[in-house]
Amino acid sequence: APWREWELTSRTKLIEFAERNQIPIAKDKRGEAPFSVDA
């Protein structure tokens, strides 16, 4: 369960990790996190 193990505890850290590892980031994922949706 990564959320219980890692230190990526903010949206900013998640995006920084993605950028360091060449993970594509959609434009609407940058900046402040949107509300969470499950469907």
PDB file of all heavy atoms in Angstrom:
ATOM      1  N   ALA A   1       0.862  -1.185   0.000  1.00  0.00           N
ATOM      2  CA  ALA A   1       0.000   0.000   0.000  1.00  0.00           C
ATOM      3  C   ALA A   1       0.899   1.236   0.000  1.00  0.00           C
ATOM      4  O   ALA A   1       1.301   1.715   1.069  1.00  0.00           O
ATOM      5  CB  ALA A   1      -0.918   0.000   1.218  1.00  0.00           C
ATOM      6  N   PRO A   2       1.275   1.745  -1.180  1.00  0.00           N
ATOM      7  CA  PRO A   2       2.252   2.842  -1.259  1.00  0.00           C
ATOM      8  C   PRO A   2       1.913   4.048  -0.400  1.00  0.00           C
ATOM      9  O   PRO A   2       2.821   4.671   0.185  1.00  0.00           O
ATOM     10  CB  PRO A   2       2.245   3.193  -2.751  1.00  0.00           C
ATOM     11  CG  PRO A   2       1.876   1.912  -3.426  1.00  0.00           C
ATOM     12  CD  PRO A   2       0.876   1.267  -2.517  1.00  0.00           C
ATOM     13  N   TRP A   3       0.620   4.418  -0.310  1.00  0.00           N
ATOM     14  CA  TRP A   3       0.263   5.605   0.460  1.00  0.00           C
ATOM     15  C   TRP A   3       0.596   5.456   1.941  1.00  0.00           C
ATOM     16  O   TRP A   3       0.666   6.458   2.665  1.00  0.00           O
ATOM     17  CB  TRP A   3      -1.220   5.929   0.282  1.00  0.00           C
ATOM     18  CG  TRP A   3      -1.523   6.592  -1.030  1.00  0.00           C
ATOM     19  CD1 TRP A   3      -1.967   5.999  -2.162  1.00  0.00           C
ATOM     20  CD2 TRP A   3      -1.385   7.980  -1.341  1.00  0.00           C
ATOM     21  NE1 TRP A   3      -2.119   6.915  -3.171  1.00  0.00           N
ATOM     22  CE2 TRP A   3      -1.777   8.140  -2.693  1.00  0.00           C
ATOM     23  CE3 TRP A   3      -0.974   9.105  -0.612  1.00  0.00           C
ATOM     24  CZ2 TRP A   3      -1.759   9.383  -3.332  1.00  0.00           C
ATOM     25  CZ3 TRP A   3      -0.969  10.340  -1.244  1.00  0.00           C
ATOM     26  CH2 TRP A   3      -1.358  10.474  -2.587  1.00  0.00           C
ATOM     27  N   ARG A   4       0.801   4.231   2.406  1.00  0.00           N
ATOM     28  CA  ARG A   4       1.195   4.014   3.800  1.00  0.00           C
ATOM     29  C   ARG A   4       2.711   3.897   3.945  1.00  0.00           C
ATOM     30  O   ARG A   4       3.221   3.796   5.057  1.00  0.00           O
ATOM     31  CB  ARG A   4       0.520   2.753   4.356  1.00  0.00           C
ATOM     32  CG  ARG A   4      -1.004   2.803   4.354  1.00  0.00           C
ATOM     33  CD  ARG A   4      -1.605   1.852   5.377  1.00  0.00           C
ATOM     34  NE  ARG A   4      -1.238   0.466   5.161  1.00  0.00           N
ATOM     35  CZ  ARG A   4      -2.007  -0.450   4.561  1.00  0.00           C
ATOM     36  NH1 ARG A   4      -3.195  -0.087   4.094  1.00  0.00           N
ATOM     37  NH2 ARG A   4      -1.600  -1.686   4.416  1.00  0.00           N
ATOM     38  N   GLU A   5       3.430   3.888   2.817  1.00  0.00           N
ATOM     39  CA  GLU A   5       4.874   3.677   2.869  1.00  0.00           C
ATOM     40  C   GLU A   5       5.693   4.867   2.381  1.00  0.00           C
ATOM     41  O   GLU A   5       6.719   5.196   2.980  1.00  0.00           O
ATOM     42  CB  GLU A   5       5.256   2.451   2.018  1.00  0.00           C
ATOM     43  CG  GLU A   5       4.702   1.132   2.531  1.00  0.00           C
ATOM     44  CD  GLU A   5       5.229  -0.050   1.725  1.00  0.00           C
ATOM     45  OE1 GLU A   5       6.336   0.062   1.143  1.00  0.00           O
ATOM     46  OE2 GLU A   5       4.544  -1.089   1.676  1.00  0.00           O
ATOM     47  N   TRP A   6       5.258   5.503   1.300  1.00  0.00           N
ATOM     48  CA  TRP A   6       6.126   6.482   0.670  1.00  0.00           C
ATOM     49  C   TRP A   6       6.069   7.845   1.351  1.00  0.00           C
ATOM     50  O   TRP A   6       5.292   8.074   2.281  1.00  0.00           O
ATOM     51  CB  TRP A   6       5.822   6.593  -0.811  1.00  0.00           C
ATOM     52  CG  TRP A   6       4.451   7.137  -1.195  1.00  0.00           C
ATOM     53  CD1 TRP A   6       3.556   7.811  -0.420  1.00  0.00           C
ATOM     54  CD2 TRP A   6       3.843   7.027  -2.487  1.00  0.00           C
ATOM     55  NE1 TRP A   6       2.430   8.137  -1.136  1.00  0.00           N
ATOM     56  CE2 TRP A   6       2.576   7.667  -2.411  1.00  0.00           C
ATOM     57  CE3 TRP A   6       4.233   6.464  -3.695  1.00  0.00           C
ATOM     58  CZ2 TRP A   6       1.721   7.745  -3.511  1.00  0.00           C
ATOM     59  CZ3 TRP A   6       3.373   6.560  -4.786  1.00  0.00           C
ATOM     60  CH2 TRP A   6       2.132   7.181  -4.681  1.00  0.00           C
ATOM     61  N   GLU A   7       6.907   8.759   0.858  1.00  0.00           N
ATOM     62  CA  GLU A   7       6.971  10.111   1.406  1.00  0.00           C
ATOM     63  C   GLU A   7       6.394  11.135   0.431  1.00  0.00           C
ATOM     64  O   GLU A   7       6.588  12.342   0.600  1.00  0.00           O
ATOM     65  CB  GLU A   7       8.427  10.464   1.731  1.00  0.00           C
ATOM     66  CG  GLU A   7       9.007   9.570   2.842  1.00  0.00           C
ATOM     67  CD  GLU A   7      10.442   9.903   3.162  1.00  0.00           C
ATOM     68  OE1 GLU A   7      11.016  10.783   2.479  1.00  0.00           O
ATOM     69  OE2 GLU A   7      10.997   9.293   4.091  1.00  0.00           O
ATOM     70  N   LEU A   8       5.650  10.647  -0.568  1.00  0.00           N
ATOM     71  CA  LEU A   8       5.016  11.553  -1.538  1.00  0.00           C
ATOM     72  C   LEU A   8       3.675  11.994  -0.970  1.00  0.00           C
ATOM     73  O   LEU A   8       2.608  11.600  -1.429  1.00  0.00           O
ATOM     74  CB  LEU A   8       4.840  10.843  -2.881  1.00  0.00           C
ATOM     75  CG  LEU A   8       6.105  10.238  -3.488  1.00  0.00           C
ATOM     76  CD1 LEU A   8       5.786   9.506  -4.783  1.00  0.00           C
ATOM     77  CD2 LEU A   8       7.160  11.319  -3.735  1.00  0.00           C
ATOM     78  N   THR A   9       3.741  12.827   0.046  1.00  0.00           N
ATOM     79  CA  THR A   9       2.559  13.150   0.844  1.00  0.00           C
ATOM     80  C   THR A   9       1.803  14.387   0.366  1.00  0.00           C
ATOM     81  O   THR A   9       0.880  14.835   1.025  1.00  0.00           O
ATOM     82  CB  THR A   9       2.970  13.352   2.308  1.00  0.00           C
ATOM     83  OG1 THR A   9       4.028  14.328   2.359  1.00  0.00           O
ATOM     84  CG2 THR A   9       3.453  12.047   2.918  1.00  0.00           C
ATOM     85  N   SER A  10       2.171  14.927  -0.779  1.00  0.00           N
ATOM     86  CA  SER A  10       1.459  16.088  -1.302  1.00  0.00           C
ATOM     87  C   SER A  10       1.336  15.977  -2.809  1.00  0.00           C
ATOM     88  O   SER A  10       2.062  15.206  -3.461  1.00  0.00           O
ATOM     89  CB  SER A  10       2.182  17.397  -0.961  1.00  0.00           C
ATOM     90  OG  SER A  10       3.387  17.499  -1.708  1.00  0.00           O
ATOM     91  N   ARG A  11       0.437  16.763  -3.378  1.00  0.00           N
ATOM     92  CA  ARG A  11       0.265  16.772  -4.837  1.00  0.00           C
ATOM     93  C   ARG A  11       1.535  17.247  -5.512  1.00  0.00           C
ATOM     94  O   ARG A  11       1.947  16.725  -6.556  1.00  0.00           O
ATOM     95  CB  ARG A  11      -0.909  17.699  -5.183  1.00  0.00           C
ATOM     96  CG  ARG A  11      -1.436  17.523  -6.596  1.00  0.00           C
ATOM     97  CD  ARG A  11      -2.221  16.241  -6.683  1.00  0.00           C
ATOM     98  NE  ARG A  11      -2.827  16.043  -7.984  1.00  0.00           N
ATOM     99  CZ  ARG A  11      -3.462  14.945  -8.308  1.00  0.00           C
ATOM    100  NH1 ARG A  11      -3.571  13.962  -7.451  1.00  0.00           N
ATOM    101  NH2 ARG A  11      -3.987  14.809  -9.507  1.00  0.00           N
ATOM    102  N   THR A  12       2.185  18.228  -4.919  1.00  0.00           N
ATOM    103  CA  THR A  12       3.417  18.771  -5.495  1.00  0.00           C
ATOM    104  C   THR A  12       4.494  17.696  -5.584  1.00  0.00           C
ATOM    105  O   THR A  12       5.177  17.553  -6.612  1.00  0.00           O
ATOM    106  CB  THR A  12       3.921  19.952  -4.647  1.00  0.00           C
ATOM    107  OG1 THR A  12       2.924  20.974  -4.627  1.00  0.00           O
ATOM    108  CG2 THR A  12       5.216  20.511  -5.215  1.00  0.00           C
ATOM    109  N   LYS A  13       4.647  16.902  -4.522  1.00  0.00           N
ATOM    110  CA  LYS A  13       5.664  15.842  -4.520  1.00  0.00           C
ATOM    111  C   LYS A  13       5.352  14.756  -5.535  1.00  0.00           C
ATOM    112  O   LYS A  13       6.260  14.201  -6.161  1.00  0.00           O
ATOM    113  CB  LYS A  13       5.794  15.250  -3.115  1.00  0.00           C
ATOM    114  CG  LYS A  13       6.429  16.190  -2.105  1.00  0.00           C
ATOM    115  CD  LYS A  13       6.553  15.541  -0.738  1.00  0.00           C
ATOM    116  CE  LYS A  13       7.221  16.485   0.248  1.00  0.00           C
ATOM    117  NZ  LYS A  13       7.329  15.871   1.605  1.00  0.00           N
ATOM    118  N   LEU A  14       4.061  14.453  -5.702  1.00  0.00           N
ATOM    119  CA  LEU A  14       3.662  13.469  -6.712  1.00  0.00           C
ATOM    120  C   LEU A  14       4.067  13.939  -8.103  1.00  0.00           C
ATOM    121  O   LEU A  14       4.629  13.182  -8.900  1.00  0.00           O
ATOM    122  CB  LEU A  14       2.150  13.251  -6.676  1.00  0.00           C
ATOM    123  CG  LEU A  14       1.562  12.208  -5.732  1.00  0.00           C
ATOM    124  CD1 LEU A  14       0.041  12.211  -5.848  1.00  0.00           C
ATOM    125  CD2 LEU A  14       2.094  10.824  -6.027  1.00  0.00           C
ATOM    126  N   ILE A  15       3.795  15.210  -8.408  1.00  0.00           N
ATOM    127  CA  ILE A  15       4.099  15.751  -9.733  1.00  0.00           C
ATOM    128  C   ILE A  15       5.606  15.836  -9.941  1.00  0.00           C
ATOM    129  O   ILE A  15       6.114  15.517 -11.025  1.00  0.00           O
ATOM    130  CB  ILE A  15       3.416  17.118  -9.916  1.00  0.00           C
ATOM    131  CG1 ILE A  15       1.890  16.912 -10.006  1.00  0.00           C
ATOM    132  CG2 ILE A  15       3.939  17.831 -11.158  1.00  0.00           C
ATOM    133  CD1 ILE A  15       1.091  18.181 -10.038  1.00  0.00           C
ATOM    134  N   GLU A  16       6.341  16.215  -8.907  1.00  0.00           N
ATOM    135  CA  GLU A  16       7.798  16.264  -9.016  1.00  0.00           C
ATOM    136  C   GLU A  16       8.369  14.884  -9.306  1.00  0.00           C
ATOM    137  O   GLU A  16       9.286  14.726 -10.117  1.00  0.00           O
ATOM    138  CB  GLU A  16       8.394  16.834  -7.731  1.00  0.00           C
ATOM    139  CG  GLU A  16       8.158  18.332  -7.562  1.00  0.00           C
ATOM    140  CD  GLU A  16       8.636  18.840  -6.211  1.00  0.00           C
ATOM    141  OE1 GLU A  16       8.990  17.992  -5.345  1.00  0.00           O
ATOM    142  OE2 GLU A  16       8.654  20.069  -6.004  1.00  0.00           O
ATOM    143  N   PHE A  17       7.832  13.857  -8.635  1.00  0.00           N
ATOM    144  CA  PHE A  17       8.274  12.483  -8.875  1.00  0.00           C
ATOM    145  C   PHE A  17       7.974  12.081 -10.315  1.00  0.00           C
ATOM    146  O   PHE A  17       8.806  11.463 -10.994  1.00  0.00           O
ATOM    147  CB  PHE A  17       7.581  11.532  -7.901  1.00  0.00           C
ATOM    148  CG  PHE A  17       8.005  10.093  -8.042  1.00  0.00           C
ATOM    149  CD1 PHE A  17       9.018   9.573  -7.250  1.00  0.00           C
ATOM    150  CD2 PHE A  17       7.385   9.247  -8.958  1.00  0.00           C
ATOM    151  CE1 PHE A  17       9.425   8.235  -7.376  1.00  0.00           C
ATOM    152  CE2 PHE A  17       7.767   7.918  -9.093  1.00  0.00           C
ATOM    153  CZ  PHE A  17       8.792   7.415  -8.298  1.00  0.00           C
ATOM    154  N   ALA A  18       6.777  12.432 -10.783  1.00  0.00           N
ATOM    155  CA  ALA A  18       6.394  12.102 -12.161  1.00  0.00           C
ATOM    156  C   ALA A  18       7.325  12.779 -13.166  1.00  0.00           C
ATOM    157  O   ALA A  18       7.761  12.158 -14.147  1.00  0.00           O
ATOM    158  CB  ALA A  18       4.944  12.510 -12.408  1.00  0.00           C
ATOM    159  N   GLU A  19       7.649  14.040 -12.922  1.00  0.00           N
ATOM    160  CA  GLU A  19       8.528  14.768 -13.839  1.00  0.00           C
ATOM    161  C   GLU A  19       9.924  14.164 -13.862  1.00  0.00           C
ATOM    162  O   GLU A  19      10.531  14.012 -14.933  1.00  0.00           O
ATOM    163  CB  GLU A  19       8.588  16.240 -13.431  1.00  0.00           C
ATOM    164  CG  GLU A  19       7.300  16.999 -13.720  1.00  0.00           C
ATOM    165  CD  GLU A  19       7.319  18.423 -13.191  1.00  0.00           C
ATOM    166  OE1 GLU A  19       8.062  18.678 -12.207  1.00  0.00           O
ATOM    167  OE2 GLU A  19       6.597  19.259 -13.741  1.00  0.00           O
ATOM    168  N   ARG A  20      10.440  13.774 -12.693  1.00  0.00           N
ATOM    169  CA  ARG A  20      11.779  13.179 -12.626  1.00  0.00           C
ATOM    170  C   ARG A  20      11.837  11.857 -13.375  1.00  0.00           C
ATOM    171  O   ARG A  20      12.890  11.456 -13.876  1.00  0.00           O
ATOM    172  CB  ARG A  20      12.193  12.944 -11.168  1.00  0.00           C
ATOM    173  CG  ARG A  20      12.568  14.182 -10.407  1.00  0.00           C
ATOM    174  CD  ARG A  20      13.370  13.849  -9.157  1.00  0.00           C
ATOM    175  NE  ARG A  20      12.708  12.865  -8.306  1.00  0.00           N
ATOM    176  CZ  ARG A  20      11.837  13.161  -7.345  1.00  0.00           C
ATOM    177  NH1 ARG A  20      11.516  14.437  -7.129  1.00  0.00           N
ATOM    178  NH2 ARG A  20      11.292  12.214  -6.603  1.00  0.00           N
ATOM    179  N   ASN A  21      10.703  11.177 -13.452  1.00  0.00           N
ATOM    180  CA  ASN A  21      10.677   9.848 -14.058  1.00  0.00           C
ATOM    181  C   ASN A  21       9.983   9.817 -15.415  1.00  0.00           C
ATOM    182  O   ASN A  21       9.587   8.745 -15.898  1.00  0.00           O
ATOM    183  CB  ASN A  21      10.002   8.868 -13.096  1.00  0.00           C
ATOM    184  CG  ASN A  21      10.849   8.593 -11.870  1.00  0.00           C
ATOM    185  OD1 ASN A  21      11.759   7.774 -11.900  1.00  0.00           O
ATOM    186  ND2 ASN A  21      10.547   9.296 -10.771  1.00  0.00           N
ATOM    187  N   GLN A  22       9.837  10.985 -16.044  1.00  0.00           N
ATOM    188  CA  GLN A  22       9.266  11.103 -17.384  1.00  0.00           C
ATOM    189  C   GLN A  22       7.874  10.471 -17.497  1.00  0.00           C
ATOM    190  O   GLN A  22       7.536   9.835 -18.502  1.00  0.00           O
ATOM    191  CB  GLN A  22      10.190  10.485 -18.441  1.00  0.00           C
ATOM    192  CG  GLN A  22      11.477  11.252 -18.680  1.00  0.00           C
ATOM    193  CD  GLN A  22      12.528  10.949 -17.625  1.00  0.00           C
ATOM    194  OE1 GLN A  22      12.827   9.784 -17.360  1.00  0.00           O
ATOM    195  NE2 GLN A  22      13.089  11.995 -17.032  1.00  0.00           N
ATOM    196  N   ILE A  23       7.064  10.638 -16.457  1.00  0.00           N
ATOM    197  CA  ILE A  23       5.676  10.175 -16.497  1.00  0.00           C
ATOM    198  C   ILE A  23       4.813  11.316 -17.017  1.00  0.00           C
ATOM    199  O   ILE A  23       4.832  12.416 -16.454  1.00  0.00           O
ATOM    200  CB  ILE A  23       5.188   9.742 -15.098  1.00  0.00           C
ATOM    201  CG1 ILE A  23       6.033   8.566 -14.578  1.00  0.00           C
ATOM    202  CG2 ILE A  23       3.712   9.368 -15.127  1.00  0.00           C
ATOM    203  CD1 ILE A  23       5.758   8.221 -13.125  1.00  0.00           C
ATOM    204  N   PRO A  24       4.080  11.100 -18.104  1.00  0.00           N
ATOM    205  CA  PRO A  24       3.253  12.191 -18.661  1.00  0.00           C
ATOM    206  C   PRO A  24       2.251  12.713 -17.635  1.00  0.00           C
ATOM    207  O   PRO A  24       1.628  11.934 -16.894  1.00  0.00           O
ATOM    208  CB  PRO A  24       2.530  11.526 -19.832  1.00  0.00           C
ATOM    209  CG  PRO A  24       3.369  10.341 -20.186  1.00  0.00           C
ATOM    210  CD  PRO A  24       3.966   9.869 -18.901  1.00  0.00           C
ATOM    211  N   ILE A  25       2.094  14.032 -17.626  1.00  0.00           N
ATOM    212  CA  ILE A  25       1.165  14.670 -16.698  1.00  0.00           C
ATOM    213  C   ILE A  25       0.173  15.493 -17.511  1.00  0.00           C
ATOM    214  O   ILE A  25       0.564  16.421 -18.230  1.00  0.00           O
ATOM    215  CB  ILE A  25       1.902  15.585 -15.698  1.00  0.00           C
ATOM    216  CG1 ILE A  25       3.009  14.811 -14.972  1.00  0.00           C
ATOM    217  CG2 ILE A  25       0.913  16.178 -14.691  1.00  0.00           C
ATOM    218  CD1 ILE A  25       3.953  15.697 -14.185  1.00  0.00           C
ATOM    219  N   ALA A  26      -1.098  15.153 -17.419  1.00  0.00           N
ATOM    220  CA  ALA A  26      -2.122  15.925 -18.119  1.00  0.00           C
ATOM    221  C   ALA A  26      -2.164  17.343 -17.566  1.00  0.00           C
ATOM    222  O   ALA A  26      -1.885  17.579 -16.384  1.00  0.00           O
ATOM    223  CB  ALA A  26      -3.476  15.250 -17.960  1.00  0.00           C
ATOM    224  N   LYS A  27      -2.527  18.277 -18.435  1.00  0.00           N
ATOM    225  CA  LYS A  27      -2.542  19.686 -18.021  1.00  0.00           C
ATOM    226  C   LYS A  27      -3.462  19.921 -16.832  1.00  0.00           C
ATOM    227  O   LYS A  27      -3.161  20.723 -15.945  1.00  0.00           O
ATOM    228  CB  LYS A  27      -2.968  20.569 -19.199  1.00  0.00           C
ATOM    229  CG  LYS A  27      -1.928  20.668 -20.304  1.00  0.00           C
ATOM    230  CD  LYS A  27      -2.399  21.583 -21.428  1.00  0.00           C
ATOM    231  CE  LYS A  27      -1.359  21.682 -22.518  1.00  0.00           C
ATOM    232  NZ  LYS A  27      -1.814  22.565 -23.640  1.00  0.00           N
ATOM    233  N   ASP A  28      -4.593  19.216 -16.792  1.00  0.00           N
ATOM    234  CA  ASP A  28      -5.537  19.444 -15.699  1.00  0.00           C
ATOM    235  C   ASP A  28      -5.097  18.788 -14.401  1.00  0.00           C
ATOM    236  O   ASP A  28      -5.767  18.895 -13.383  1.00  0.00           O
ATOM    237  CB  ASP A  28      -6.937  18.964 -16.081  1.00  0.00           C
ATOM    238  CG  ASP A  28      -6.981  17.457 -16.347  1.00  0.00           C
ATOM    239  OD1 ASP A  28      -5.911  16.829 -16.415  1.00  0.00           O
ATOM    240  OD2 ASP A  28      -8.100  16.932 -16.491  1.00  0.00           O
ATOM    241  N   LYS A  29      -3.968  18.067 -14.421  1.00  0.00           N
ATOM    242  CA  LYS A  29      -3.456  17.453 -13.200  1.00  0.00           C
ATOM    243  C   LYS A  29      -2.427  18.339 -12.498  1.00  0.00           C
ATOM    244  O   LYS A  29      -2.026  18.068 -11.379  1.00  0.00           O
ATOM    245  CB  LYS A  29      -2.804  16.101 -13.517  1.00  0.00           C
ATOM    246  CG  LYS A  29      -3.778  15.056 -14.055  1.00  0.00           C
ATOM    247  CD  LYS A  29      -4.840  14.686 -13.052  1.00  0.00           C
ATOM    248  CE  LYS A  29      -5.760  13.600 -13.580  1.00  0.00           C
ATOM    249  NZ  LYS A  29      -6.841  13.277 -12.624  1.00  0.00           N
ATOM    250  N   ARG A  30      -1.966  19.379 -13.183  1.00  0.00           N
ATOM    251  CA  ARG A  30      -1.002  20.290 -12.561  1.00  0.00           C
ATOM    252  C   ARG A  30      -1.734  21.267 -11.638  1.00  0.00           C
ATOM    253  O   ARG A  30      -2.926  21.479 -11.752  1.00  0.00           O
ATOM    254  CB  ARG A  30      -0.216  21.050 -13.630  1.00  0.00           C
ATOM    255  CG  ARG A  30       0.681  20.126 -14.445  1.00  0.00           C
ATOM    256  CD  ARG A  30       1.534  20.887 -15.416  1.00  0.00           C
ATOM    257  NE  ARG A  30       2.394  20.000 -16.183  1.00  0.00           N
ATOM    258  CZ  ARG A  30       3.574  19.573 -15.788  1.00  0.00           C
ATOM    259  NH1 ARG A  30       4.051  19.936 -14.613  1.00  0.00           N
ATOM    260  NH2 ARG A  30       4.295  18.770 -16.552  1.00  0.00           N
ATOM    261  N   GLY A  31      -0.962  21.852 -10.755  1.00  0.00           N
ATOM    262  CA  GLY A  31      -1.564  22.804  -9.833  1.00  0.00           C
ATOM    263  C   GLY A  31      -2.326  22.102  -8.730  1.00  0.00           C
ATOM    264  O   GLY A  31      -2.024  20.974  -8.360  1.00  0.00           O
ATOM    265  N   GLU A  32      -3.342  22.758  -8.224  1.00  0.00           N
ATOM    266  CA  GLU A  32      -4.104  22.240  -7.102  1.00  0.00           C
ATOM    267  C   GLU A  32      -4.903  21.001  -7.504  1.00  0.00           C
ATOM    268  O   GLU A  32      -5.444  20.916  -8.591  1.00  0.00           O
ATOM    269  CB  GLU A  32      -5.056  23.326  -6.584  1.00  0.00           C
ATOM    270  CG  GLU A  32      -5.612  23.028  -5.205  1.00  0.00           C
ATOM    271  CD  GLU A  32      -6.433  24.191  -4.670  1.00  0.00           C
ATOM    272  OE1 GLU A  32      -6.585  25.182  -5.400  1.00  0.00           O
ATOM    273  OE2 GLU A  32      -6.917  24.080  -3.540  1.00  0.00           O
ATOM    274  N   ALA A  33      -4.952  20.018  -6.604  1.00  0.00           N
ATOM    275  CA  ALA A  33      -5.651  18.774  -6.911  1.00  0.00           C
ATOM    276  C   ALA A  33      -7.139  19.005  -7.082  1.00  0.00           C
ATOM    277  O   ALA A  33      -7.750  19.769  -6.342  1.00  0.00           O
ATOM    278  CB  ALA A  33      -5.417  17.764  -5.786  1.00  0.00           C
ATOM    279  N   PRO A  34      -7.756  18.356  -8.082  1.00  0.00           N
ATOM    280  CA  PRO A  34      -9.208  18.431  -8.215  1.00  0.00           C
ATOM    281  C   PRO A  34      -9.866  17.568  -7.152  1.00  0.00           C
ATOM    282  O   PRO A  34      -9.193  16.853  -6.420  1.00  0.00           O
ATOM    283  CB  PRO A  34      -9.440  17.853  -9.609  1.00  0.00           C
ATOM    284  CG  PRO A  34      -8.315  16.880  -9.788  1.00  0.00           C
ATOM    285  CD  PRO A  34      -7.133  17.490  -9.077  1.00  0.00           C
ATOM    286  N   PHE A  35     -11.192  17.658  -7.070  1.00  0.00           N
ATOM    287  CA  PHE A  35     -11.864  16.758  -6.131  1.00  0.00           C
ATOM    288  C   PHE A  35     -11.748  15.322  -6.648  1.00  0.00           C
ATOM    289  O   PHE A  35     -11.557  15.058  -7.831  1.00  0.00           O
ATOM    290  CB  PHE A  35     -13.321  17.167  -5.905  1.00  0.00           C
ATOM    291  CG  PHE A  35     -14.171  17.229  -7.141  1.00  0.00           C
ATOM    292  CD1 PHE A  35     -14.791  16.087  -7.649  1.00  0.00           C
ATOM    293  CD2 PHE A  35     -14.381  18.432  -7.806  1.00  0.00           C
ATOM    294  CE1 PHE A  35     -15.583  16.142  -8.776  1.00  0.00           C
ATOM    295  CE2 PHE A  35     -15.171  18.493  -8.940  1.00  0.00           C
ATOM    296  CZ  PHE A  35     -15.771  17.352  -9.428  1.00  0.00           C
ATOM    297  N   SER A  36     -11.851  14.378  -5.723  1.00  0.00           N
ATOM    298  CA  SER A  36     -11.653  12.968  -6.036  1.00  0.00           C
ATOM    299  C   SER A  36     -12.946  12.348  -6.540  1.00  0.00           C
ATOM    300  O   SER A  36     -14.020  12.584  -5.985  1.00  0.00           O
ATOM    301  CB  SER A  36     -11.185  12.228  -4.777  1.00  0.00           C
ATOM    302  OG  SER A  36     -11.138  10.840  -4.993  1.00  0.00           O
ATOM    303  N   VAL A  37     -12.845  11.549  -7.609  1.00  0.00           N
ATOM    304  CA  VAL A  37     -14.013  10.890  -8.202  1.00  0.00           C
ATOM    305  C   VAL A  37     -13.743   9.398  -8.327  1.00  0.00           C
ATOM    306  O   VAL A  37     -12.672   8.979  -8.772  1.00  0.00           O
ATOM    307  CB  VAL A  37     -14.348  11.471  -9.588  1.00  0.00           C
ATOM    308  CG1 VAL A  37     -15.508  10.709 -10.214  1.00  0.00           C
ATOM    309  CG2 VAL A  37     -14.689  12.952  -9.481  1.00  0.00           C
ATOM    310  N   ASP A  38     -14.704   8.606  -7.918  1.00  0.00           N
ATOM    311  CA  ASP A  38     -14.681   7.162  -8.169  1.00  0.00           C
ATOM    312  C   ASP A  38     -15.957   6.826  -8.925  1.00  0.00           C
ATOM    313  O   ASP A  38     -17.037   7.306  -8.580  1.00  0.00           O
ATOM    314  CB  ASP A  38     -14.623   6.374  -6.863  1.00  0.00           C
ATOM    315  CG  ASP A  38     -14.732   4.877  -7.096  1.00  0.00           C
ATOM    316  OD1 ASP A  38     -13.719   4.276  -7.501  1.00  0.00           O
ATOM    317  OD2 ASP A  38     -15.824   4.306  -6.899  1.00  0.00           O
ATOM    318  N   ALA A  39     -15.841   6.015  -9.967  1.00  0.00           N
ATOM    319  CA  ALA A  39     -17.024   5.715 -10.778  1.00  0.00           C
ATOM    320  C   ALA A  39     -17.007   4.264 -11.235  1.00  0.00           C
ATOM    321  O   ALA A  39     -15.951   3.674 -11.464  1.00  0.00           O
ATOM    322  CB  ALA A  39     -17.086   6.644 -11.994  1.00  0.00           C
TER     323      ALA A  39
END
